[in-house]
Each structure stands twice: as C-alpha cells, then as structure tokens.
Amino acid sequence: MNRSALIISFFNLSILFAQAQDSLPYREVPNYPQAYSAGTVAARVIDGLGFRFYWATEGLRADDLKYKPSEAARTSEETIDHIYGMSKMIVNATKGEINQAEEESLSFEEKRRLTLSNLKEASDILKQSDDLEAMKVIFENEKGRTEYPFWNLLNGPIDDCIWHVGQIVTFRRTSGNPISPKVSFFSGKVRQ
C-alpha cells in the first residue's frame, strides 16, 4: 500500500471512530424535563453521572487505563469495570430485574459504551415513571432473594459511581491527560 493510500485509510478510520464516539449518549446532558417529579429528578442525577463518565473516559490512553496511584489502589480500568457493574445494577433496578454476577471479557470501548447505554436506559425509564417504590435493587442467590428500596440505589451505586468518576478524572490528570477544559459541568454542555 502506498503512503497516500495509507493516509487516506487512516483518515477514513479516524472518521468512523469519531462517528462511533459521537453516537454515544451523554456527550452533553440532555435538555431538562418541563416538570419536576421524583422520576425526572432521579433521571437528572443519572444524566449528570452519564455526562461526567463520558468526559472522564473520553480519550483515555492505554497508559491512563493502567494508572494507579499506589499498589493498594485500583487502576483506572479496574475502576471503570466497577462503574460498569454498578451501571448494570442501576438499570436493573429501574427494570425490576435481578442482579446477577457474570464474567465478561470486554474491551475498554465496549465497557464505556455499555455503561453509558445502561445509564441512558435507566434515565429514560425514570423519566416515564414516578413509582420509585416499585424500583428495587434485587439480589438472588442460593440463600434466597434480597430486595433494597430505591433509596439504597441513590446512596449506593449512583453515589459510588460519581465518587469513582472523580477518581478517574484525578488519575488521568496525574498521568498527564486531563479532560478537555471546554467541558462545563455546570451547564452540561461543551463550550465551542
């Protein structure tokens, strides 16, 4: 392959990758609902989480994914794995589904896409329902079934995800790859 063809191929792949990234939810926070309700407020919290996760993980390099501040700490990628697992818990609660431990071998890009998709699906469900009492965190094993109210979802997986997204932001800054300064977390938009 000659140099010109190689450059054109690389350019085309770059465009395809950029288009795939742009199709991910939460590049910006969606417009807020017209009315306040239990469901729309809970959805907005998840939308804020999705926006933060999108930008915390946008443009991560292999070095960033391997970074950890000490031997006792998780790497950024292990932290992303943890957030992905909790995103499944969040969406499962909104759908009334049981949480099941499962081994998955996914790439960083797949985990990122699935995490954002889980958060978007949970937000969409919450925007359509105010019956948060019906949304339970459900675990089932050989000892039986355990259910926790939506309150536990708020102070558990949702808050935990926000906490860990902050760690990823700090880790990537420490590894020399800070997030874009154009991101406004107050407005939920990207400045031009």
Protein backbone atom coordinates (compact mmCIF):
# COMPACT_ATOMS: atom_id res chain seq x y z
CA MET A 1 0.00 0.00 0.00
CA ASN A 2 1.48 3.37 -0.95
CA ARG A 3 1.78 6.22 1.51
CA SER A 4 -1.19 8.20 0.11
CA ALA A 5 -3.50 5.19 0.34
CA LEU A 6 -2.31 4.53 3.89
CA ILE A 7 -3.00 8.14 4.91
CA ILE A 8 -6.48 8.03 3.32
CA SER A 9 -7.24 4.72 5.06
CA PHE A 10 -6.11 6.13 8.39
CA PHE A 11 -8.22 9.27 7.81
CA ASN A 12 -11.30 7.16 6.99
CA LEU A 13 -10.81 5.02 10.11
CA SER A 14 -10.45 8.18 12.19
CA ILE A 15 -13.76 9.49 10.85
CA LEU A 16 -15.52 6.17 11.53
CA PHE A 17 -14.14 6.10 15.08
CA ALA A 18 -15.23 9.71 15.66
CA GLN A 19 -18.73 8.94 14.35
CA ALA A 20 -18.98 5.89 16.61
CA GLN A 21 -17.92 8.00 19.61
CA ASP A 22 -20.42 10.74 18.73
CA SER A 23 -23.24 8.17 18.77
CA LEU A 24 -22.63 7.55 22.46
CA PRO A 25 -25.07 9.17 24.86
CA TYR A 26 -24.03 11.92 27.25
CA ARG A 27 -21.61 13.98 25.20
CA GLU A 28 -23.86 16.66 26.64
CA VAL A 29 -26.55 16.47 29.29
CA PRO A 30 -29.99 16.20 27.67
CA ASN A 31 -32.38 19.12 27.99
CA TYR A 32 -34.13 19.08 31.32
CA PRO A 33 -37.77 17.97 31.61
CA GLN A 34 -40.56 20.53 31.75
CA ALA A 35 -41.78 19.34 35.14
CA TYR A 36 -40.21 18.23 38.40
CA SER A 37 -41.18 14.81 39.64
CA ALA A 38 -39.49 12.05 41.58
CA GLY A 39 -38.67 10.25 38.34
CA THR A 40 -37.37 13.28 36.44
CA VAL A 41 -35.17 14.40 39.34
CA ALA A 42 -33.69 10.90 39.74
CA ALA A 43 -33.17 10.73 35.96
CA ARG A 44 -31.36 14.08 36.01
CA VAL A 45 -28.93 12.77 38.63
CA ILE A 46 -28.18 9.82 36.35
CA ASP A 47 -27.83 12.16 33.35
CA GLY A 48 -25.24 14.16 35.30
CA LEU A 49 -23.41 10.94 36.11
CA GLY A 50 -23.50 9.89 32.45
CA PHE A 51 -22.09 13.25 31.33
CA ARG A 52 -19.29 13.06 33.88
CA PHE A 53 -18.47 9.47 32.96
CA TYR A 54 -18.46 10.32 29.24
CA TRP A 55 -15.86 13.06 29.71
CA ALA A 56 -13.85 11.25 32.39
CA THR A 57 -13.34 8.36 29.95
CA GLU A 58 -13.17 10.29 26.65
CA GLY A 59 -9.73 9.96 25.05
CA LEU A 60 -8.21 7.70 27.68
CA ARG A 61 -4.92 6.17 26.55
CA ALA A 62 -3.54 2.76 27.46
CA ASP A 63 -1.21 4.46 29.97
CA ASP A 64 -4.21 6.17 31.59
CA LEU A 65 -6.12 2.89 31.88
CA LYS A 66 -3.15 1.20 33.61
CA TYR A 67 -2.50 4.09 36.01
CA LYS A 68 -3.00 3.62 39.73
CA PRO A 69 -1.68 5.88 42.48
CA SER A 70 -0.39 3.04 44.67
CA GLU A 71 -0.10 -0.73 44.77
CA ALA A 72 -3.17 -0.96 47.02
CA ALA A 73 -5.35 1.09 44.64
CA ARG A 74 -7.36 0.06 41.59
CA THR A 75 -6.19 1.04 38.11
CA SER A 76 -8.38 3.39 36.11
CA GLU A 77 -9.56 0.42 34.04
CA GLU A 78 -10.44 -1.59 37.16
CA THR A 79 -12.39 1.45 38.38
CA ILE A 80 -14.22 1.57 35.04
CA ASP A 81 -15.04 -2.14 35.45
CA HIS A 82 -16.55 -1.34 38.85
CA ILE A 83 -18.60 1.55 37.43
CA TYR A 84 -19.82 -0.69 34.60
CA GLY A 85 -21.01 -3.27 37.14
CA MET A 86 -22.87 -0.63 39.10
CA SER A 87 -24.44 0.78 35.91
CA LYS A 88 -25.97 -2.67 35.41
CA MET A 89 -27.34 -2.53 38.96
CA ILE A 90 -28.85 0.91 38.28
CA VAL A 91 -30.61 -0.11 35.08
CA ASN A 92 -31.72 -3.45 36.57
CA ALA A 93 -33.44 -1.63 39.45
CA THR A 94 -35.38 0.57 37.02
CA LYS A 95 -36.46 -2.52 35.05
CA GLY A 96 -37.22 -4.68 38.11
CA GLU A 97 -34.57 -7.23 37.14
CA ILE A 98 -32.39 -9.36 39.39
CA ASN A 99 -28.68 -8.55 39.59
CA GLN A 100 -26.55 -11.47 38.55
CA ALA A 101 -22.79 -11.77 38.80
CA GLU A 102 -21.37 -12.67 35.43
CA GLU A 103 -17.90 -12.84 33.99
CA GLU A 104 -17.47 -10.70 30.90
CA SER A 105 -14.43 -10.11 28.78
CA LEU A 106 -14.97 -6.70 27.22
CA SER A 107 -12.68 -4.08 25.77
CA PHE A 108 -12.49 -0.64 27.34
CA GLU A 109 -14.53 0.78 24.45
CA GLU A 110 -17.25 -1.86 24.96
CA LYS A 111 -17.42 -1.23 28.72
CA ARG A 112 -17.60 2.52 28.11
CA ARG A 113 -20.38 2.16 25.54
CA LEU A 114 -22.38 -0.28 27.68
CA THR A 115 -22.01 1.84 30.81
CA LEU A 116 -23.29 4.93 29.01
CA SER A 117 -26.12 2.92 27.42
CA ASN A 118 -27.15 1.47 30.80
CA LEU A 119 -27.27 4.93 32.35
CA LYS A 120 -29.27 6.32 29.42
CA GLU A 121 -31.77 3.46 29.58
CA ALA A 122 -32.21 3.90 33.34
CA SER A 123 -32.71 7.66 32.89
CA ASP A 124 -35.28 7.12 30.13
CA ILE A 125 -37.24 4.69 32.32
CA LEU A 126 -37.16 7.07 35.28
CA LYS A 127 -38.45 9.96 33.16
CA GLN A 128 -41.55 7.87 32.42
CA SER A 129 -42.31 6.76 35.98
CA ASP A 130 -42.69 8.30 39.38
CA ASP A 131 -43.17 4.95 41.09
CA LEU A 132 -39.72 4.78 42.66
CA GLU A 133 -41.06 2.49 45.38
CA ALA A 134 -41.51 -0.21 42.73
CA MET A 135 -37.88 0.10 41.65
CA LYS A 136 -35.83 -2.19 43.85
CA VAL A 137 -32.24 -3.37 43.89
CA ILE A 138 -32.71 -7.14 43.80
CA PHE A 139 -30.16 -9.85 44.56
CA GLU A 140 -30.86 -13.55 44.47
CA ASN A 141 -28.67 -16.50 45.42
CA GLU A 142 -28.94 -19.96 46.94
CA LYS A 143 -29.89 -18.38 50.31
CA GLY A 144 -32.84 -16.54 48.80
CA ARG A 145 -33.84 -13.15 47.50
CA THR A 146 -32.95 -9.78 48.98
CA GLU A 147 -34.55 -6.51 47.91
CA TYR A 148 -33.48 -2.97 48.73
CA PRO A 149 -35.51 0.20 48.12
CA PHE A 150 -34.62 2.90 45.59
CA TRP A 151 -33.06 4.89 48.44
CA ASN A 152 -30.20 2.38 48.52
CA LEU A 153 -29.68 2.87 44.79
CA LEU A 154 -29.18 6.61 45.40
CA ASN A 155 -26.67 6.39 48.25
CA GLY A 156 -25.17 3.15 46.93
CA PRO A 157 -24.40 2.58 43.25
CA ILE A 158 -25.32 6.05 41.93
CA ASP A 159 -23.26 7.97 44.50
CA ASP A 160 -20.50 5.38 44.30
CA CYS A 161 -20.28 5.83 40.53
CA ILE A 162 -20.00 9.60 40.95
CA TRP A 163 -17.22 9.07 43.50
CA HIS A 164 -15.29 6.76 41.18
CA VAL A 165 -15.71 9.01 38.13
CA GLY A 166 -13.92 11.67 40.16
CA GLN A 167 -11.10 9.21 40.77
CA ILE A 168 -10.74 8.57 37.04
CA VAL A 169 -10.56 12.34 36.41
CA THR A 170 -7.83 12.67 39.05
CA PHE A 171 -5.92 9.63 37.79
CA ARG A 172 -5.94 10.84 34.17
CA ARG A 173 -4.81 14.30 35.23
CA THR A 174 -1.96 12.68 37.19
CA SER A 175 -0.98 10.52 34.19
CA GLY A 176 -0.75 13.66 32.04
CA ASN A 177 -4.06 13.51 30.15
CA PRO A 178 -6.58 15.93 31.74
CA ILE A 179 -10.13 16.22 30.41
CA SER A 180 -11.00 18.94 27.93
CA PRO A 181 -11.23 22.40 29.51
CA LYS A 182 -14.21 23.09 27.20
CA VAL A 183 -16.49 20.82 29.26
CA SER A 184 -18.85 22.76 31.54
CA PHE A 185 -20.22 20.53 34.28
CA PHE A 186 -22.49 23.33 35.49
CA SER A 187 -24.31 23.70 32.15
CA GLY A 188 -23.83 20.12 30.99
CA LYS A 189 -22.57 21.42 27.66
CA VAL A 190 -19.29 21.66 25.77
CA ARG A 191 -18.07 25.17 25.06
CA GLN A 192 -17.02 25.85 21.46
